[in-house]
Protein backbone atom coordinates (compact mmCIF):
# COMPACT_ATOMS: atom_id res chain seq x y z
CA MET A 1 210.78 34.45 -11.12
CA PRO A 2 212.89 35.97 -8.29
CA GLU A 3 211.21 36.58 -5.03
CA LYS A 4 210.07 40.18 -4.69
CA ILE A 5 210.93 42.11 -1.46
CA LEU A 6 209.60 45.47 -0.45
CA VAL A 7 212.10 47.72 1.45
CA VAL A 8 210.40 50.48 3.44
CA ASP A 9 212.46 53.25 5.05
CA ASP A 10 212.38 57.10 4.98
CA VAL A 11 216.23 57.30 4.82
CA PRO A 12 217.40 56.92 1.22
CA VAL A 13 220.82 55.65 2.29
CA ASN A 14 219.24 52.82 4.28
CA VAL A 15 216.98 51.90 1.38
CA LYS A 16 219.88 51.78 -1.14
CA LEU A 17 221.99 49.64 1.26
CA LEU A 18 219.28 47.05 1.69
CA ALA A 19 218.15 47.09 -1.88
CA ASP A 20 221.66 46.53 -3.22
CA LEU A 21 222.37 43.76 -0.72
CA LEU A 22 219.21 41.92 -1.65
CA ALA A 23 219.57 42.45 -5.39
CA VAL A 24 223.06 40.93 -5.29
CA LYS A 25 221.56 37.80 -3.86
CA GLY A 26 219.07 37.55 -6.69
CA TYR A 27 215.96 39.10 -5.15
CA ALA A 28 213.80 41.54 -6.97
CA VAL A 29 213.50 44.70 -4.86
CA VAL A 30 210.85 47.45 -4.77
CA THR A 31 211.08 50.39 -2.35
CA ALA A 32 208.90 52.85 -0.46
CA ALA A 33 209.82 55.96 1.48
CA GLY A 34 206.91 55.93 3.89
CA GLY A 35 204.00 53.99 5.38
CA ALA A 36 201.22 55.14 2.98
CA GLU A 37 203.48 54.44 -0.07
CA ALA A 38 204.32 51.12 1.35
CA LEU A 39 200.69 50.01 1.50
CA THR A 40 200.15 51.16 -2.01
CA LYS A 41 203.19 49.28 -3.20
CA ILE A 42 201.99 46.16 -1.38
CA ASP A 43 198.67 46.24 -3.32
CA LYS A 44 200.28 46.98 -6.64
CA GLU A 45 203.52 44.87 -6.44
CA GLN A 46 202.36 41.97 -4.23
CA PRO A 47 205.76 41.34 -2.66
CA ALA A 48 206.71 38.09 -0.94
CA LEU A 49 208.19 39.84 2.04
CA VAL A 50 208.44 43.33 3.58
CA LEU A 51 211.47 44.85 5.34
CA LEU A 52 209.86 47.60 7.37
CA ASP A 53 211.54 50.40 9.28
CA VAL A 54 209.91 51.24 12.60
CA MET A 55 210.53 54.98 12.96
CA MET A 56 209.02 56.86 10.00
CA PRO A 57 207.16 60.22 9.85
CA GLY A 58 203.39 60.18 9.52
CA MET A 59 202.80 56.44 9.79
CA SER A 60 205.09 54.27 11.90
CA GLY A 61 206.23 50.79 11.01
CA TYR A 62 203.90 49.38 13.68
CA ASP A 63 200.86 51.15 12.11
CA VAL A 64 201.88 49.76 8.66
CA CYS A 65 202.19 46.36 10.07
CA ARG A 66 198.78 46.48 11.67
CA LYS A 67 197.26 47.55 8.37
CA ILE A 68 198.94 44.65 6.64
CA ARG A 69 197.50 42.19 9.19
CA GLN A 70 194.00 43.68 8.96
CA ASN A 71 193.82 43.08 5.25
CA PRO A 72 192.74 39.47 4.52
CA ALA A 73 194.77 39.52 1.27
CA THR A 74 198.04 40.27 3.20
CA SER A 75 197.35 38.87 6.62
CA MET A 76 199.97 36.16 6.09
CA LEU A 77 202.57 38.35 4.36
CA PRO A 78 205.96 38.01 6.08
CA VAL A 79 207.13 41.24 7.76
CA ILE A 80 210.62 41.91 9.22
CA MET A 81 210.73 45.06 11.31
CA VAL A 82 214.03 47.01 11.47
CA THR A 83 214.90 49.54 14.20
CA ALA A 84 217.80 51.38 15.83
CA LEU A 85 216.01 51.63 19.16
CA ASP A 86 216.09 49.44 22.22
CA PRO A 87 215.57 46.00 20.71
CA THR A 88 213.96 44.48 23.78
CA GLN A 89 211.13 47.05 23.96
CA GLU A 90 210.71 47.35 20.18
CA ARG A 91 210.57 43.54 19.72
CA VAL A 92 207.57 43.35 22.05
CA LYS A 93 205.78 46.15 20.21
CA GLY A 94 206.64 44.64 16.86
CA ILE A 95 205.30 41.23 17.81
CA ASP A 96 202.17 42.89 19.16
CA ALA A 97 201.71 44.66 15.83
CA GLY A 98 202.03 41.35 14.00
CA ALA A 99 205.66 41.27 12.84
CA ASP A 100 207.18 37.92 12.03
CA ASP A 101 210.83 38.83 12.85
CA PHE A 102 212.95 41.59 14.10
CA LEU A 103 216.37 43.14 13.11
CA THR A 104 218.38 45.91 14.85
CA LYS A 105 220.49 48.51 13.13
CA PRO A 106 223.22 48.48 12.08
CA ILE A 107 222.14 45.57 9.98
CA ASN A 108 224.16 42.40 10.17
CA GLN A 109 224.17 41.29 6.52
CA PRO A 110 224.49 37.49 7.02
CA GLU A 111 221.70 37.61 9.69
CA LEU A 112 219.49 39.67 7.42
CA LEU A 113 219.89 37.25 4.52
CA ALA A 114 219.37 34.23 6.72
CA ARG A 115 216.16 35.65 8.19
CA VAL A 116 214.84 36.64 4.79
CA LYS A 117 215.56 33.18 3.44
CA SER A 118 213.90 31.47 6.39
CA LEU A 119 210.69 33.58 6.17
CA LEU A 120 210.47 33.13 2.38
CA ARG A 121 210.71 29.35 2.86
CA ILE A 122 207.95 29.49 5.50
CA LYS A 123 205.83 31.63 3.06
CA LEU A 124 206.38 29.11 0.27
CA LEU A 125 205.02 26.32 2.53
CA GLN A 126 202.09 28.49 3.57
CA ASP A 127 201.30 29.23 -0.07
CA GLU A 128 201.47 25.53 -0.94
CA LEU A 129 199.24 24.77 2.04
CA ALA A 130 196.78 27.40 0.91
CA ASP A 131 196.72 25.97 -2.61
CA TRP A 132 196.18 22.51 -1.16
CA ASN A 133 193.29 23.80 1.03
CA ARG A 134 191.74 25.42 -1.98
CA THR A 135 192.04 22.18 -3.95
CA LEU A 136 190.39 20.28 -1.06
CA GLU A 137 187.62 22.82 -0.89
CA ARG A 138 187.00 22.46 -4.62
CA ARG A 139 187.01 18.67 -4.29
CA VAL A 140 184.63 18.78 -1.30
CA GLU A 141 182.25 21.13 -3.21
CA GLN A 142 182.41 18.80 -6.22
CA GLN A 143 181.77 15.78 -4.04
CA LEU A 144 178.88 17.52 -2.35
CA ALA A 145 177.41 18.37 -5.73
CA GLN A 146 177.86 14.77 -6.78
CA LEU A 147 176.06 13.55 -3.72
CA ASP A 148 173.20 15.98 -4.24
CA ARG A 149 172.92 14.83 -7.86
CA LEU A 150 173.18 11.23 -6.86
CA GLU A 151 170.32 11.60 -4.39
CA ARG A 152 168.20 13.29 -7.10
CA LEU A 153 169.00 10.61 -9.66
CA LYS A 154 168.17 7.86 -7.16
CA ARG A 155 164.59 9.03 -7.32
CA PHE A 156 164.51 7.75 -10.85
CA PHE A 157 167.17 5.09 -11.29
CA SER A 158 168.58 2.14 -9.43
CA PRO A 159 171.58 3.12 -7.09
CA GLN A 160 173.99 1.35 -9.43
CA LEU A 161 172.81 3.32 -12.44
CA ALA A 162 172.74 6.61 -10.50
CA GLU A 163 176.28 6.15 -9.37
CA LEU A 164 177.37 5.27 -12.90
CA ILE A 165 175.79 8.49 -14.20
CA VAL A 166 177.37 10.65 -11.54
CA SER A 167 180.80 9.11 -12.10
CA GLY A 168 180.64 10.26 -15.73
CA ASP A 169 180.49 6.80 -17.26
CA ALA A 170 177.11 7.58 -18.75
CA GLU A 171 175.67 10.59 -20.55
CA ASP A 172 173.55 13.12 -18.66
CA PRO A 173 170.12 11.48 -18.83
CA LEU A 174 168.25 14.65 -17.96
CA LYS A 175 168.99 16.00 -21.46
CA SER A 176 166.22 15.25 -23.98
CA HIS A 177 167.11 12.28 -26.14
CA ARG A 178 165.50 9.49 -28.18
CA ARG A 179 165.93 5.82 -27.53
CA GLU A 180 164.30 2.47 -27.93
CA ILE A 181 163.04 1.30 -24.54
CA THR A 182 160.85 -1.43 -23.06
CA VAL A 183 158.08 0.02 -20.94
CA VAL A 184 156.28 -1.77 -18.11
CA PHE A 185 152.94 -0.51 -16.63
CA LEU A 186 151.49 -2.28 -13.58
CA ASP A 187 148.69 -1.61 -11.16
CA LEU A 188 146.46 -3.29 -8.66
CA ARG A 189 143.04 -4.49 -9.80
CA GLY A 190 140.16 -3.32 -7.61
CA PHE A 191 142.23 -0.68 -5.87
CA THR A 192 139.81 2.18 -6.56
CA ALA A 193 136.93 0.37 -4.94
CA PHE A 194 139.09 -0.76 -2.09
CA ALA A 195 140.26 2.81 -1.41
CA GLU A 196 136.64 4.09 -1.41
CA THR A 197 135.44 1.59 1.10
CA SER A 198 138.52 1.29 3.40
CA GLU A 199 140.02 3.48 6.08
CA PRO A 200 142.92 5.65 4.98
CA GLU A 201 145.26 3.81 7.35
CA GLU A 202 144.39 0.53 5.62
CA VAL A 203 144.94 1.98 2.19
CA MET A 204 148.34 3.38 3.14
CA GLY A 205 149.37 0.07 4.69
CA VAL A 206 148.53 -1.81 1.52
CA LEU A 207 150.40 0.77 -0.57
CA ARG A 208 153.45 0.60 1.66
CA GLU A 209 153.67 -3.18 1.45
CA TYR A 210 153.13 -3.07 -2.37
CA HIS A 211 155.60 -0.30 -3.01
CA VAL A 212 158.35 -1.97 -0.87
CA ALA A 213 158.04 -5.26 -2.78
CA MET A 214 157.79 -3.68 -6.24
CA GLY A 215 160.59 -1.13 -5.55
CA ARG A 216 162.98 -3.81 -4.36
CA THR A 217 162.35 -5.75 -7.58
CA ILE A 218 162.74 -2.72 -9.80
CA VAL A 219 166.13 -2.01 -8.32
CA GLU A 220 167.24 -5.68 -8.58
CA HIS A 221 166.46 -5.63 -12.31
CA GLU A 222 168.04 -2.19 -12.80
CA GLY A 223 164.90 -0.62 -14.14
CA THR A 224 164.15 3.08 -14.28
CA LEU A 225 161.06 4.10 -12.26
CA GLU A 226 159.42 6.84 -14.34
CA ARG A 227 156.61 7.42 -11.86
CA PHE A 228 154.18 5.81 -9.53
CA THR A 229 150.69 7.12 -8.75
CA GLY A 230 148.98 5.24 -5.93
CA ASP A 231 148.80 1.68 -7.09
CA GLY A 232 150.11 2.33 -10.60
CA MET A 233 153.81 2.32 -11.67
CA MET A 234 155.64 2.87 -14.92
CA ILE A 235 159.13 1.43 -15.33
CA PHE A 236 161.32 1.26 -18.50
CA PHE A 237 164.58 -0.38 -19.55
CA ASN A 238 167.48 0.53 -21.78
CA ASP A 239 167.78 4.07 -20.49
CA PRO A 240 169.79 5.92 -19.21
CA VAL A 241 172.37 3.10 -19.62
CA PRO A 242 171.77 0.90 -22.66
CA VAL A 243 171.14 -2.79 -21.84
CA PRO A 244 171.11 -5.58 -24.44
CA ASP A 245 168.17 -7.41 -22.88
CA GLY A 246 165.53 -4.80 -22.00
CA PRO A 247 162.52 -7.01 -22.97
CA GLU A 248 163.97 -10.01 -21.10
CA ARG A 249 164.52 -7.90 -17.94
CA ALA A 250 161.05 -6.36 -18.19
CA VAL A 251 159.25 -9.72 -18.46
CA GLY A 252 161.48 -11.36 -15.87
CA MET A 253 160.73 -8.46 -13.45
CA ALA A 254 157.01 -8.77 -14.11
CA LEU A 255 157.05 -12.47 -13.34
CA VAL A 256 158.85 -11.86 -10.03
CA MET A 257 156.41 -9.07 -9.19
CA ARG A 258 153.44 -11.31 -9.87
CA ALA A 259 154.87 -13.97 -7.51
CA GLN A 260 155.42 -11.32 -4.88
CA VAL A 261 151.91 -9.98 -5.19
CA ASP A 262 150.57 -13.52 -4.98
CA GLU A 263 152.16 -13.70 -1.51
CA LEU A 264 150.75 -10.30 -0.61
CA LEU A 265 147.25 -11.36 -1.85
CA VAL A 266 147.14 -14.15 0.65
CA LYS A 267 147.60 -11.66 3.52
CA TRP A 268 145.29 -9.09 1.98
CA ARG A 269 142.43 -11.53 1.40
CA LYS A 270 142.63 -12.64 4.98
CA ARG A 271 141.98 -9.06 5.88
CA GLY A 272 139.09 -8.91 3.44
CA TYR A 273 140.77 -6.87 0.71
CA ASP A 274 139.57 -7.78 -2.84
CA LEU A 275 142.66 -6.88 -4.81
CA ASP A 276 144.60 -8.42 -7.75
CA PHE A 277 147.40 -7.50 -10.16
CA GLY A 278 147.86 -6.72 -13.88
CA VAL A 279 150.82 -5.75 -16.14
CA GLY A 280 151.30 -4.40 -19.68
CA ILE A 281 154.65 -4.43 -21.50
CA ALA A 282 155.58 -2.83 -24.89
CA GLN A 283 158.78 -2.03 -26.76
CA GLY A 284 159.49 0.99 -29.01
CA TYR A 285 161.09 4.37 -29.39
CA ALA A 286 160.41 7.25 -26.98
CA THR A 287 161.65 10.74 -26.28
CA ILE A 288 163.13 10.77 -22.86
CA GLY A 289 164.39 13.52 -20.46
CA ALA A 290 163.62 15.96 -17.67
CA ILE A 291 160.02 17.18 -17.45
CA GLY A 292 158.89 19.86 -15.07
CA PHE A 293 160.25 23.25 -13.86
CA GLU A 294 163.02 24.59 -11.66
CA GLY A 295 162.78 23.06 -8.21
CA ARG A 296 160.51 20.17 -9.33
CA MET A 297 161.75 17.95 -12.10
CA ASP A 298 160.64 14.51 -13.09
CA TYR A 299 162.26 12.10 -15.50
CA GLY A 300 159.79 11.04 -18.17
CA ALA A 301 159.40 9.15 -21.40
CA ILE A 302 156.88 10.20 -24.11
CA GLY A 303 155.91 8.17 -27.14
CA THR A 304 153.51 5.68 -28.57
CA VAL A 305 155.24 2.85 -26.68
CA THR A 306 154.29 4.27 -23.37
CA ASN A 307 150.60 4.50 -24.40
CA LEU A 308 150.65 0.88 -25.68
CA ALA A 309 152.07 -0.42 -22.42
CA SER A 310 149.48 1.56 -20.47
CA ARG A 311 146.64 0.30 -22.69
CA LEU A 312 147.84 -3.30 -22.34
CA CYS A 313 147.91 -2.92 -18.58
CA GLY A 314 144.44 -1.61 -18.67
CA GLU A 315 143.21 -4.60 -20.65
CA ALA A 316 145.03 -7.17 -18.48
CA LYS A 317 142.71 -9.32 -16.38
CA PRO A 318 143.78 -10.25 -12.77
CA ARG A 319 147.30 -11.81 -12.74
CA GLN A 320 147.75 -11.32 -16.52
CA ILE A 321 150.98 -9.95 -18.03
CA LEU A 322 150.15 -8.70 -21.49
CA ILE A 323 152.99 -8.06 -23.91
CA SER A 324 153.12 -6.67 -27.43
CA GLN A 325 154.29 -8.62 -30.53
CA ARG A 326 157.78 -7.02 -30.45
CA VAL A 327 158.27 -8.01 -26.81
CA LEU A 328 157.25 -11.60 -27.54
CA GLY A 329 159.78 -11.77 -30.37
CA ALA A 330 162.54 -11.10 -27.89
CA VAL A 331 161.42 -13.40 -25.09
CA GLU A 332 159.53 -16.24 -26.87
CA ALA A 333 162.47 -18.67 -26.19
CA LEU A 334 162.17 -17.86 -22.46
CA VAL A 335 158.48 -17.84 -21.61
CA GLU A 336 155.21 -19.62 -22.33
CA ALA A 337 152.63 -17.19 -23.81
CA GLU A 338 149.15 -17.43 -25.22
CA GLU A 339 147.94 -15.21 -28.13
CA LEU A 340 144.94 -13.15 -27.32
CA GLY A 341 144.34 -11.94 -30.90
CA GLY A 342 143.81 -8.31 -31.83
CA LEU A 343 142.79 -6.01 -28.98
CA ALA A 344 140.85 -2.78 -29.67
CA LEU A 345 142.86 -0.31 -27.55
CA LYS A 346 141.88 3.32 -27.09
CA GLY A 347 144.17 5.60 -29.07
CA PHE A 348 145.06 2.97 -31.65
CA SER A 349 143.27 2.90 -34.96
CA LYS A 350 143.86 -0.81 -35.63
CA PRO A 351 143.59 -3.87 -33.36
CA VAL A 352 146.85 -4.59 -31.51
CA VAL A 353 148.00 -8.19 -31.32
CA ALA A 354 148.77 -9.05 -27.68
CA PHE A 355 150.04 -12.05 -25.74
CA ASN A 356 149.50 -13.22 -22.11
CA VAL A 357 152.67 -14.48 -20.43
CA LEU A 358 151.81 -17.66 -18.56
CA GLY A 359 155.23 -18.25 -17.05
CA PRO A 360 158.84 -19.15 -17.74
CA LYS A 361 159.56 -22.10 -20.06
CA ALA A 362 160.74 -25.32 -18.36
CA SER A 363 164.44 -25.62 -18.65
């Protein structure tokens, strides 16, 4: 498309002269016979450059130029002012009004074309720079949105998984979906009694030590922390990013956690705290997604598997890691376990076969 130039002059002969000269050089030309008409044509035609006569009735070229500069949409529009008056004085007034260049009458045709070409080249660079700035602004907005989403996702997932989701390499986990997962419930035995008889500062100190140790292990095993309530935690595997070894990760994580709590128990018992640790692990299908309301969303899993893991955790004696039959089938080559027979668990009509993980098998 040829560049469009607006020629503004109240003398028809001058308008025709400039229009013909520019048209011969391949420019598209629109004209206006006064200041008000020029402003209207600028809004309608969106020219790339304005050749503006200074002395016009009603609204002078200086007034038109000021109006152009005051409008954010045209503040960078190139303007060449044309006058037959004293060039020195008019040049100062033109620059003060916001003109980019100045020509004196009678017009020197080669000079006119050279100045038009130069200003159009500058405008092209300005447009490209403006496009680049808009692109950068969009990218910054997108990156800020990604960072905000990443921070929200890190509440639920390990940093590696959160970054994978934000990068688009995993589906949006907040949409409701169904998947087979391995669920781990864990809590501290004796915590309720401890909290009732201890100072709040002592309780918070124990929870801080416990959460730091457990949280670090969850991240290392790339588990998804569904929630924690005081001393209790729920973690699951195989969502949002599928993993081929969910049960193995879950049991391995529980063994590491038990070893870490053993170290913590040494310190806690020296302080007189009577605490211990129990875990329940189950495998099965659950419906997973965002739960809550605008401004406060959690990531949750709902299904029989979560109830089973919770009940197994509730039945676990101090330091026991109780697992379901399905979990044992996946990890029996890796760990030593003892069968506990059928357990009568609340919410389950039949006894549930459970196993206590003693430790990893000797290599």
